[in-house]
């Protein structure tokens, strides 16, 4: 059964596909059936640039437990990066 759980956010960055790097514009996060991972449902993350067509996509399918760990790691890295950036602004 499809969950219809989907979040789409703007994403400014770059992703790599077979023919090289491309600019990212969005990230799509869903909880639904994966295409390749062997789970009933998974957290699916697609980094995309729709203007470049369907090939401009970097996809990840991970378990819910892995997604929780990733969320924590992202939060810790973001907190540390914000401290680093605030130190750079003070010394500039």
PDB file of N, CA and C in Angstrom:
ATOM      1  N   UNK A   1       0.831  -1.180   0.000  1.00  0.00           N
ATOM      2  CA  UNK A   1       0.000   0.000   0.000  1.00  0.00           C
ATOM      3  C   UNK A   1       0.874   1.240   0.000  1.00  0.00           C
ATOM      4  N   UNK A   2       0.614   2.161  -0.879  1.00  0.00           N
ATOM      5  CA  UNK A   2       1.379   3.405  -0.953  1.00  0.00           C
ATOM      6  C   UNK A   2       1.017   4.299   0.222  1.00  0.00           C
ATOM      7  N   UNK A   3       2.019   4.959   0.780  1.00  0.00           N
ATOM      8  CA  UNK A   3       1.788   5.781   1.958  1.00  0.00           C
ATOM      9  C   UNK A   3       1.416   7.221   1.635  1.00  0.00           C
ATOM     10  N   UNK A   4       1.789   7.707   0.472  1.00  0.00           N
ATOM     11  CA  UNK A   4       1.576   9.110   0.078  1.00  0.00           C
ATOM     12  C   UNK A   4       2.318  10.081   0.994  1.00  0.00           C
ATOM     13  N   UNK A   5       3.369   9.611   1.670  1.00  0.00           N
ATOM     14  CA  UNK A   5       4.199  10.487   2.500  1.00  0.00           C
ATOM     15  C   UNK A   5       5.305  11.033   1.622  1.00  0.00           C
ATOM     16  N   UNK A   6       5.241  12.327   1.319  1.00  0.00           N
ATOM     17  CA  UNK A   6       6.227  12.968   0.443  1.00  0.00           C
ATOM     18  C   UNK A   6       6.493  14.381   0.944  1.00  0.00           C
ATOM     19  N   UNK A   7       7.754  14.743   1.031  1.00  0.00           N
ATOM     20  CA  UNK A   7       8.189  16.102   1.350  1.00  0.00           C
ATOM     21  C   UNK A   7       9.143  16.543   0.250  1.00  0.00           C
ATOM     22  N   UNK A   8       8.942  17.748  -0.255  1.00  0.00           N
ATOM     23  CA  UNK A   8       9.814  18.294  -1.296  1.00  0.00           C
ATOM     24  C   UNK A   8      10.360  19.625  -0.798  1.00  0.00           C
ATOM     25  N   UNK A   9      11.679  19.776  -0.859  1.00  0.00           N
ATOM     26  CA  UNK A   9      12.320  21.027  -0.443  1.00  0.00           C
ATOM     27  C   UNK A   9      13.303  21.475  -1.519  1.00  0.00           C
ATOM     28  N   UNK A  10      13.573  22.765  -1.550  1.00  0.00           N
ATOM     29  CA  UNK A  10      14.620  23.265  -2.444  1.00  0.00           C
ATOM     30  C   UNK A  10      15.965  22.797  -1.920  1.00  0.00           C
ATOM     31  N   UNK A  11      16.865  22.480  -2.818  1.00  0.00           N
ATOM     32  CA  UNK A  11      18.200  22.025  -2.446  1.00  0.00           C
ATOM     33  C   UNK A  11      19.204  22.689  -3.371  1.00  0.00           C
ATOM     34  N   UNK A  12      20.149  23.385  -2.813  1.00  0.00           N
ATOM     35  CA  UNK A  12      21.186  24.068  -3.581  1.00  0.00           C
ATOM     36  C   UNK A  12      22.470  23.283  -3.415  1.00  0.00           C
ATOM     37  N   UNK A  13      22.926  22.650  -4.478  1.00  0.00           N
ATOM     38  CA  UNK A  13      24.129  21.845  -4.395  1.00  0.00           C
ATOM     39  C   UNK A  13      24.427  21.192  -5.720  1.00  0.00           C
ATOM     40  N   UNK A  14      25.106  20.056  -5.669  1.00  0.00           N
ATOM     41  CA  UNK A  14      25.474  19.332  -6.882  1.00  0.00           C
ATOM     42  C   UNK A  14      25.333  17.836  -6.630  1.00  0.00           C
ATOM     43  N   UNK A  15      25.000  17.113  -7.677  1.00  0.00           N
ATOM     44  CA  UNK A  15      24.903  15.663  -7.620  1.00  0.00           C
ATOM     45  C   UNK A  15      25.671  15.062  -8.779  1.00  0.00           C
ATOM     46  N   UNK A  16      26.067  13.811  -8.637  1.00  0.00           N
ATOM     47  CA  UNK A  16      26.849  13.174  -9.690  1.00  0.00           C
ATOM     48  C   UNK A  16      26.063  12.016 -10.292  1.00  0.00           C
ATOM     49  N   UNK A  17      26.026  12.000 -11.611  1.00  0.00           N
ATOM     50  CA  UNK A  17      25.440  10.888 -12.352  1.00  0.00           C
ATOM     51  C   UNK A  17      26.518  10.324 -13.263  1.00  0.00           C
ATOM     52  N   UNK A  18      26.172   9.371 -14.115  1.00  0.00           N
ATOM     53  CA  UNK A  18      27.159   8.702 -14.955  1.00  0.00           C
ATOM     54  C   UNK A  18      28.001   9.659 -15.796  1.00  0.00           C
ATOM     55  N   UNK A  19      27.379  10.705 -16.337  1.00  0.00           N
ATOM     56  CA  UNK A  19      28.108  11.600 -17.240  1.00  0.00           C
ATOM     57  C   UNK A  19      28.681  12.840 -16.551  1.00  0.00           C
ATOM     58  N   UNK A  20      28.706  12.861 -15.228  1.00  0.00           N
ATOM     59  CA  UNK A  20      29.327  13.969 -14.517  1.00  0.00           C
ATOM     60  C   UNK A  20      28.392  14.644 -13.534  1.00  0.00           C
ATOM     61  N   UNK A  21      28.834  15.774 -13.056  1.00  0.00           N
ATOM     62  CA  UNK A  21      28.115  16.519 -12.028  1.00  0.00           C
ATOM     63  C   UNK A  21      27.031  17.396 -12.647  1.00  0.00           C
ATOM     64  N   UNK A  22      25.968  17.624 -11.875  1.00  0.00           N
ATOM     65  CA  UNK A  22      24.902  18.523 -12.303  1.00  0.00           C
ATOM     66  C   UNK A  22      24.400  19.302 -11.095  1.00  0.00           C
ATOM     67  N   UNK A  23      23.815  20.476 -11.348  1.00  0.00           N
ATOM     68  CA  UNK A  23      23.269  21.305 -10.277  1.00  0.00           C
ATOM     69  C   UNK A  23      21.989  20.695  -9.735  1.00  0.00           C
ATOM     70  N   UNK A  24      21.867  20.662  -8.409  1.00  0.00           N
ATOM     71  CA  UNK A  24      20.644  20.199  -7.767  1.00  0.00           C
ATOM     72  C   UNK A  24      19.730  21.386  -7.508  1.00  0.00           C
ATOM     73  N   UNK A  25      18.441  21.158  -7.575  1.00  0.00           N
ATOM     74  CA  UNK A  25      17.473  22.212  -7.242  1.00  0.00           C
ATOM     75  C   UNK A  25      16.495  21.780  -6.163  1.00  0.00           C
ATOM     76  N   UNK A  26      16.278  20.468  -6.008  1.00  0.00           N
ATOM     77  CA  UNK A  26      15.293  19.986  -5.046  1.00  0.00           C
ATOM     78  C   UNK A  26      15.727  18.653  -4.427  1.00  0.00           C
ATOM     79  N   UNK A  27      15.178  18.395  -3.255  1.00  0.00           N
ATOM     80  CA  UNK A  27      15.291  17.083  -2.627  1.00  0.00           C
ATOM     81  C   UNK A  27      13.870  16.596  -2.365  1.00  0.00           C
ATOM     82  N   UNK A  28      13.626  15.351  -2.713  1.00  0.00           N
ATOM     83  CA  UNK A  28      12.323  14.730  -2.501  1.00  0.00           C
ATOM     84  C   UNK A  28      12.530  13.594  -1.505  1.00  0.00           C
ATOM     85  N   UNK A  29      11.836  13.668  -0.384  1.00  0.00           N
ATOM     86  CA  UNK A  29      11.938  12.644   0.652  1.00  0.00           C
ATOM     87  C   UNK A  29      10.572  11.977   0.775  1.00  0.00           C
ATOM     88  N   UNK A  30      10.560  10.656   0.681  1.00  0.00           N
ATOM     89  CA  UNK A  30       9.291   9.936   0.788  1.00  0.00           C
ATOM     90  C   UNK A  30       9.463   8.679   1.631  1.00  0.00           C
ATOM     91  N   UNK A  31       8.346   8.178   2.114  1.00  0.00           N
ATOM     92  CA  UNK A  31       8.313   6.880   2.788  1.00  0.00           C
ATOM     93  C   UNK A  31       7.364   6.029   1.982  1.00  0.00           C
ATOM     94  N   UNK A  32       7.919   5.087   1.247  1.00  0.00           N
ATOM     95  CA  UNK A  32       7.120   4.302   0.318  1.00  0.00           C
ATOM     96  C   UNK A  32       7.896   3.056  -0.082  1.00  0.00           C
ATOM     97  N   UNK A  33       7.373   2.313  -1.025  1.00  0.00           N
ATOM     98  CA  UNK A  33       8.050   1.123  -1.516  1.00  0.00           C
ATOM     99  C   UNK A  33       9.341   1.524  -2.233  1.00  0.00           C
ATOM    100  N   UNK A  34      10.469   0.924  -1.861  1.00  0.00           N
ATOM    101  CA  UNK A  34      11.707   1.185  -2.591  1.00  0.00           C
ATOM    102  C   UNK A  34      11.722   0.419  -3.908  1.00  0.00           C
ATOM    103  N   UNK A  35      12.570   0.851  -4.821  1.00  0.00           N
ATOM    104  CA  UNK A  35      12.710   0.156  -6.101  1.00  0.00           C
ATOM    105  C   UNK A  35      13.773  -0.940  -6.037  1.00  0.00           C
ATOM    106  N   UNK A  36      14.809  -0.735  -5.221  1.00  0.00           N
ATOM    107  CA  UNK A  36      15.923  -1.682  -5.193  1.00  0.00           C
ATOM    108  C   UNK A  36      16.212  -2.264  -3.812  1.00  0.00           C
ATOM    109  N   UNK A  37      16.096  -1.456  -2.764  1.00  0.00           N
ATOM    110  CA  UNK A  37      16.374  -1.961  -1.414  1.00  0.00           C
ATOM    111  C   UNK A  37      15.349  -3.029  -1.045  1.00  0.00           C
ATOM    112  N   UNK A  38      15.775  -4.003  -0.293  1.00  0.00           N
ATOM    113  CA  UNK A  38      14.906  -5.130   0.048  1.00  0.00           C
ATOM    114  C   UNK A  38      14.127  -4.873   1.336  1.00  0.00           C
ATOM    115  N   UNK A  39      13.281  -3.833   1.304  1.00  0.00           N
ATOM    116  CA  UNK A  39      12.413  -3.479   2.424  1.00  0.00           C
ATOM    117  C   UNK A  39      10.985  -3.385   1.913  1.00  0.00           C
ATOM    118  N   UNK A  40      10.038  -3.612   2.808  1.00  0.00           N
ATOM    119  CA  UNK A  40       8.632  -3.394   2.449  1.00  0.00           C
ATOM    120  C   UNK A  40       8.406  -1.920   2.120  1.00  0.00           C
ATOM    121  N   UNK A  41       8.907  -1.065   2.997  1.00  0.00           N
ATOM    122  CA  UNK A  41       8.878   0.387   2.795  1.00  0.00           C
ATOM    123  C   UNK A  41      10.231   0.936   3.198  1.00  0.00           C
ATOM    124  N   UNK A  42      10.581   2.106   2.671  1.00  0.00           N
ATOM    125  CA  UNK A  42      11.872   2.716   2.964  1.00  0.00           C
ATOM    126  C   UNK A  42      11.746   4.232   2.918  1.00  0.00           C
ATOM    127  N   UNK A  43      12.696   4.885   3.534  1.00  0.00           N
ATOM    128  CA  UNK A  43      12.844   6.318   3.321  1.00  0.00           C
ATOM    129  C   UNK A  43      13.607   6.452   2.014  1.00  0.00           C
ATOM    130  N   UNK A  44      13.000   7.124   1.066  1.00  0.00           N
ATOM    131  CA  UNK A  44      13.581   7.316  -0.263  1.00  0.00           C
ATOM    132  C   UNK A  44      13.939   8.790  -0.403  1.00  0.00           C
ATOM    133  N   UNK A  45      15.172   9.059  -0.762  1.00  0.00           N
ATOM    134  CA  UNK A  45      15.639  10.430  -0.933  1.00  0.00           C
ATOM    135  C   UNK A  45      16.131  10.583  -2.361  1.00  0.00           C
ATOM    136  N   UNK A  46      15.555  11.525  -3.066  1.00  0.00           N
ATOM    137  CA  UNK A  46      15.967  11.821  -4.437  1.00  0.00           C
ATOM    138  C   UNK A  46      16.430  13.268  -4.495  1.00  0.00           C
ATOM    139  N   UNK A  47      17.666  13.470  -4.895  1.00  0.00           N
ATOM    140  CA  UNK A  47      18.176  14.811  -5.157  1.00  0.00           C
ATOM    141  C   UNK A  47      18.043  15.013  -6.654  1.00  0.00           C
ATOM    142  N   UNK A  48      17.341  16.062  -7.083  1.00  0.00           N
ATOM    143  CA  UNK A  48      16.970  16.199  -8.489  1.00  0.00           C
ATOM    144  C   UNK A  48      17.138  17.622  -9.011  1.00  0.00           C
ATOM    145  N   UNK A  49      17.121  17.702 -10.349  1.00  0.00           N
ATOM    146  CA  UNK A  49      16.982  18.961 -11.066  1.00  0.00           C
ATOM    147  C   UNK A  49      16.001  18.682 -12.202  1.00  0.00           C
ATOM    148  N   UNK A  50      14.704  18.931 -11.971  1.00  0.00           N
ATOM    149  CA  UNK A  50      13.696  18.596 -12.973  1.00  0.00           C
ATOM    150  C   UNK A  50      13.923  19.248 -14.333  1.00  0.00           C
ATOM    151  N   UNK A  51      14.559  20.401 -14.367  1.00  0.00           N
ATOM    152  CA  UNK A  51      14.803  21.085 -15.639  1.00  0.00           C
ATOM    153  C   UNK A  51      15.740  20.303 -16.544  1.00  0.00           C
ATOM    154  N   UNK A  52      16.536  19.393 -15.975  1.00  0.00           N
ATOM    155  CA  UNK A  52      17.492  18.609 -16.752  1.00  0.00           C
ATOM    156  C   UNK A  52      16.959  17.239 -17.146  1.00  0.00           C
ATOM    157  N   UNK A  53      15.712  16.949 -16.816  1.00  0.00           N
ATOM    158  CA  UNK A  53      15.111  15.673 -17.195  1.00  0.00           C
ATOM    159  C   UNK A  53      15.272  14.610 -16.129  1.00  0.00           C
ATOM    160  N   UNK A  54      14.698  13.429 -16.363  1.00  0.00           N
ATOM    161  CA  UNK A  54      14.689  12.374 -15.347  1.00  0.00           C
ATOM    162  C   UNK A  54      16.069  11.806 -15.006  1.00  0.00           C
ATOM    163  N   UNK A  55      17.053  11.997 -15.863  1.00  0.00           N
ATOM    164  CA  UNK A  55      18.391  11.497 -15.578  1.00  0.00           C
ATOM    165  C   UNK A  55      19.153  12.321 -14.559  1.00  0.00           C
ATOM    166  N   UNK A  56      18.658  13.515 -14.262  1.00  0.00           N
ATOM    167  CA  UNK A  56      19.318  14.389 -13.286  1.00  0.00           C
ATOM    168  C   UNK A  56      18.771  14.062 -11.900  1.00  0.00           C
ATOM    169  N   UNK A  57      19.202  12.890 -11.402  1.00  0.00           N
ATOM    170  CA  UNK A  57      18.651  12.364 -10.156  1.00  0.00           C
ATOM    171  C   UNK A  57      19.705  11.536  -9.440  1.00  0.00           C
ATOM    172  N   UNK A  58      19.820  11.759  -8.153  1.00  0.00           N
ATOM    173  CA  UNK A  58      20.636  10.917  -7.291  1.00  0.00           C
ATOM    174  C   UNK A  58      19.673  10.328  -6.267  1.00  0.00           C
ATOM    175  N   UNK A  59      19.539   9.017  -6.245  1.00  0.00           N
ATOM    176  CA  UNK A  59      18.542   8.352  -5.408  1.00  0.00           C
ATOM    177  C   UNK A  59      19.196   7.535  -4.304  1.00  0.00           C
ATOM    178  N   UNK A  60      18.528   7.518  -3.136  1.00  0.00           N
ATOM    179  CA  UNK A  60      18.960   6.720  -1.991  1.00  0.00           C
ATOM    180  C   UNK A  60      17.714   6.088  -1.376  1.00  0.00           C
ATOM    181  N   UNK A  61      17.790   4.808  -1.051  1.00  0.00           N
ATOM    182  CA  UNK A  61      16.715   4.105  -0.363  1.00  0.00           C
ATOM    183  C   UNK A  61      17.307   3.487   0.898  1.00  0.00           C
ATOM    184  N   UNK A  62      16.825   3.914   2.070  1.00  0.00           N
ATOM    185  CA  UNK A  62      17.382   3.426   3.329  1.00  0.00           C
ATOM    186  C   UNK A  62      16.261   3.022   4.282  1.00  0.00           C
ATOM    187  N   UNK A  63      16.620   2.173   5.234  1.00  0.00           N
ATOM    188  CA  UNK A  63      15.645   1.731   6.229  1.00  0.00           C
ATOM    189  C   UNK A  63      15.263   2.902   7.130  1.00  0.00           C
ATOM    190  N   UNK A  64      14.144   2.764   7.801  1.00  0.00           N
ATOM    191  CA  UNK A  64      13.704   3.803   8.729  1.00  0.00           C
ATOM    192  C   UNK A  64      14.734   3.999   9.837  1.00  0.00           C
ATOM    193  N   UNK A  65      15.308   2.910  10.348  1.00  0.00           N
ATOM    194  CA  UNK A  65      16.342   3.017  11.383  1.00  0.00           C
ATOM    195  C   UNK A  65      17.563   3.778  10.864  1.00  0.00           C
ATOM    196  N   UNK A  66      17.974   3.475   9.630  1.00  0.00           N
ATOM    197  CA  UNK A  66      19.114   4.189   9.045  1.00  0.00           C
ATOM    198  C   UNK A  66      18.792   5.659   8.852  1.00  0.00           C
ATOM    199  N   UNK A  67      17.549   5.959   8.468  1.00  0.00           N
ATOM    200  CA  UNK A  67      17.141   7.350   8.282  1.00  0.00           C
ATOM    201  C   UNK A  67      17.190   8.118   9.601  1.00  0.00           C
ATOM    202  N   UNK A  68      16.810   7.471  10.694  1.00  0.00           N
ATOM    203  CA  UNK A  68      16.890   8.110  12.012  1.00  0.00           C
ATOM    204  C   UNK A  68      18.337   8.419  12.367  1.00  0.00           C
ATOM    205  N   UNK A  69      19.238   7.457  12.112  1.00  0.00           N
ATOM    206  CA  UNK A  69      20.666   7.680  12.371  1.00  0.00           C
ATOM    207  C   UNK A  69      21.203   8.812  11.501  1.00  0.00           C
ATOM    208  N   UNK A  70      20.799   8.829  10.233  1.00  0.00           N
ATOM    209  CA  UNK A  70      21.223   9.888   9.319  1.00  0.00           C
ATOM    210  C   UNK A  70      20.716  11.242   9.788  1.00  0.00           C
ATOM    211  N   UNK A  71      19.478  11.292  10.236  1.00  0.00           N
ATOM    212  CA  UNK A  71      18.901  12.544  10.728  1.00  0.00           C
ATOM    213  C   UNK A  71      19.712  13.083  11.912  1.00  0.00           C
ATOM    214  N   UNK A  72      20.076  12.204  12.829  1.00  0.00           N
ATOM    215  CA  UNK A  72      20.895  12.611  13.964  1.00  0.00           C
ATOM    216  C   UNK A  72      22.269  13.093  13.535  1.00  0.00           C
ATOM    217  N   UNK A  73      22.889  12.368  12.595  1.00  0.00           N
ATOM    218  CA  UNK A  73      24.206  12.765  12.098  1.00  0.00           C
ATOM    219  C   UNK A  73      24.140  14.116  11.399  1.00  0.00           C
ATOM    220  N   UNK A  74      23.099  14.332  10.613  1.00  0.00           N
ATOM    221  CA  UNK A  74      22.921  15.631   9.952  1.00  0.00           C
ATOM    222  C   UNK A  74      22.758  16.742  10.974  1.00  0.00           C
ATOM    223  N   UNK A  75      21.948  16.508  11.998  1.00  0.00           N
ATOM    224  CA  UNK A  75      21.733  17.526  13.032  1.00  0.00           C
ATOM    225  C   UNK A  75      23.041  17.875  13.740  1.00  0.00           C
ATOM    226  N   UNK A  76      23.853  16.860  14.061  1.00  0.00           N
ATOM    227  CA  UNK A  76      25.132  17.118  14.728  1.00  0.00           C
ATOM    228  C   UNK A  76      26.098  17.860  13.808  1.00  0.00           C
ATOM    229  N   UNK A  77      26.167  17.452  12.547  1.00  0.00           N
ATOM    230  CA  UNK A  77      27.065  18.119  11.599  1.00  0.00           C
ATOM    231  C   UNK A  77      26.628  19.559  11.351  1.00  0.00           C
ATOM    232  N   UNK A  78      25.329  19.794  11.248  1.00  0.00           N
ATOM    233  CA  UNK A  78      24.818  21.159  11.045  1.00  0.00           C
ATOM    234  C   UNK A  78      25.137  22.028  12.250  1.00  0.00           C
ATOM    235  N   UNK A  79      24.928  21.509  13.457  1.00  0.00           N
ATOM    236  CA  UNK A  79      25.235  22.275  14.667  1.00  0.00           C
ATOM    237  C   UNK A  79      26.714  22.637  14.713  1.00  0.00           C
ATOM    238  N   UNK A  80      27.591  21.689  14.398  1.00  0.00           N
ATOM    239  CA  UNK A  80      29.031  21.958  14.403  1.00  0.00           C
ATOM    240  C   UNK A  80      29.406  22.955  13.308  1.00  0.00           C
ATOM    241  N   UNK A  81      28.788  22.826  12.138  1.00  0.00           N
ATOM    242  CA  UNK A  81      29.078  23.748  11.038  1.00  0.00           C
ATOM    243  C   UNK A  81      28.633  25.168  11.382  1.00  0.00           C
ATOM    244  N   UNK A  82      27.500  25.299  12.063  1.00  0.00           N
ATOM    245  CA  UNK A  82      27.029  26.639  12.450  1.00  0.00           C
ATOM    246  C   UNK A  82      27.985  27.289  13.439  1.00  0.00           C
ATOM    247  N   UNK A  83      28.548  26.500  14.351  1.00  0.00           N
ATOM    248  CA  UNK A  83      29.555  27.030  15.278  1.00  0.00           C
ATOM    249  C   UNK A  83      30.786  27.471  14.507  1.00  0.00           C
ATOM    250  N   UNK A  84      31.234  26.647  13.575  1.00  0.00           N
ATOM    251  CA  UNK A  84      32.395  26.973  12.733  1.00  0.00           C
ATOM    252  C   UNK A  84      32.150  28.248  11.947  1.00  0.00           C
ATOM    253  N   UNK A  85      30.986  28.359  11.330  1.00  0.00           N
ATOM    254  CA  UNK A  85      30.659  29.542  10.516  1.00  0.00           C
ATOM    255  C   UNK A  85      30.556  30.798  11.382  1.00  0.00           C
ATOM    256  N   UNK A  86      30.003  30.695  12.573  1.00  0.00           N
ATOM    257  CA  UNK A  86      29.891  31.880  13.428  1.00  0.00           C
ATOM    258  C   UNK A  86      31.286  32.360  13.851  1.00  0.00           C
ATOM    259  N   UNK A  87      32.228  31.443  14.045  1.00  0.00           N
ATOM    260  CA  UNK A  87      33.606  31.814  14.368  1.00  0.00           C
ATOM    261  C   UNK A  87      34.274  32.517  13.208  1.00  0.00           C
ATOM    262  N   UNK A  88      33.994  32.098  11.990  1.00  0.00           N
ATOM    263  CA  UNK A  88      34.558  32.754  10.811  1.00  0.00           C
ATOM    264  C   UNK A  88      34.028  34.169  10.655  1.00  0.00           C
ATOM    265  N   UNK A  89      32.735  34.355  10.930  1.00  0.00           N
ATOM    266  CA  UNK A  89      32.140  35.697  10.800  1.00  0.00           C
ATOM    267  C   UNK A  89      32.722  36.657  11.831  1.00  0.00           C
ATOM    268  N   UNK A  90      32.994  36.179  13.051  1.00  0.00           N
ATOM    269  CA  UNK A  90      33.559  37.049  14.092  1.00  0.00           C
ATOM    270  C   UNK A  90      34.968  37.464  13.769  1.00  0.00           C
ATOM    271  N   UNK A  91      35.761  36.564  13.143  1.00  0.00           N
ATOM    272  CA  UNK A  91      37.164  36.870  12.863  1.00  0.00           C
ATOM    273  C   UNK A  91      37.352  37.634  11.557  1.00  0.00           C
ATOM    274  N   UNK A  92      36.306  37.782  10.773  1.00  0.00           N
ATOM    275  CA  UNK A  92      36.418  38.476   9.482  1.00  0.00           C
ATOM    276  C   UNK A  92      36.355  39.984   9.640  1.00  0.00           C
TER     277      UNK A  92
END
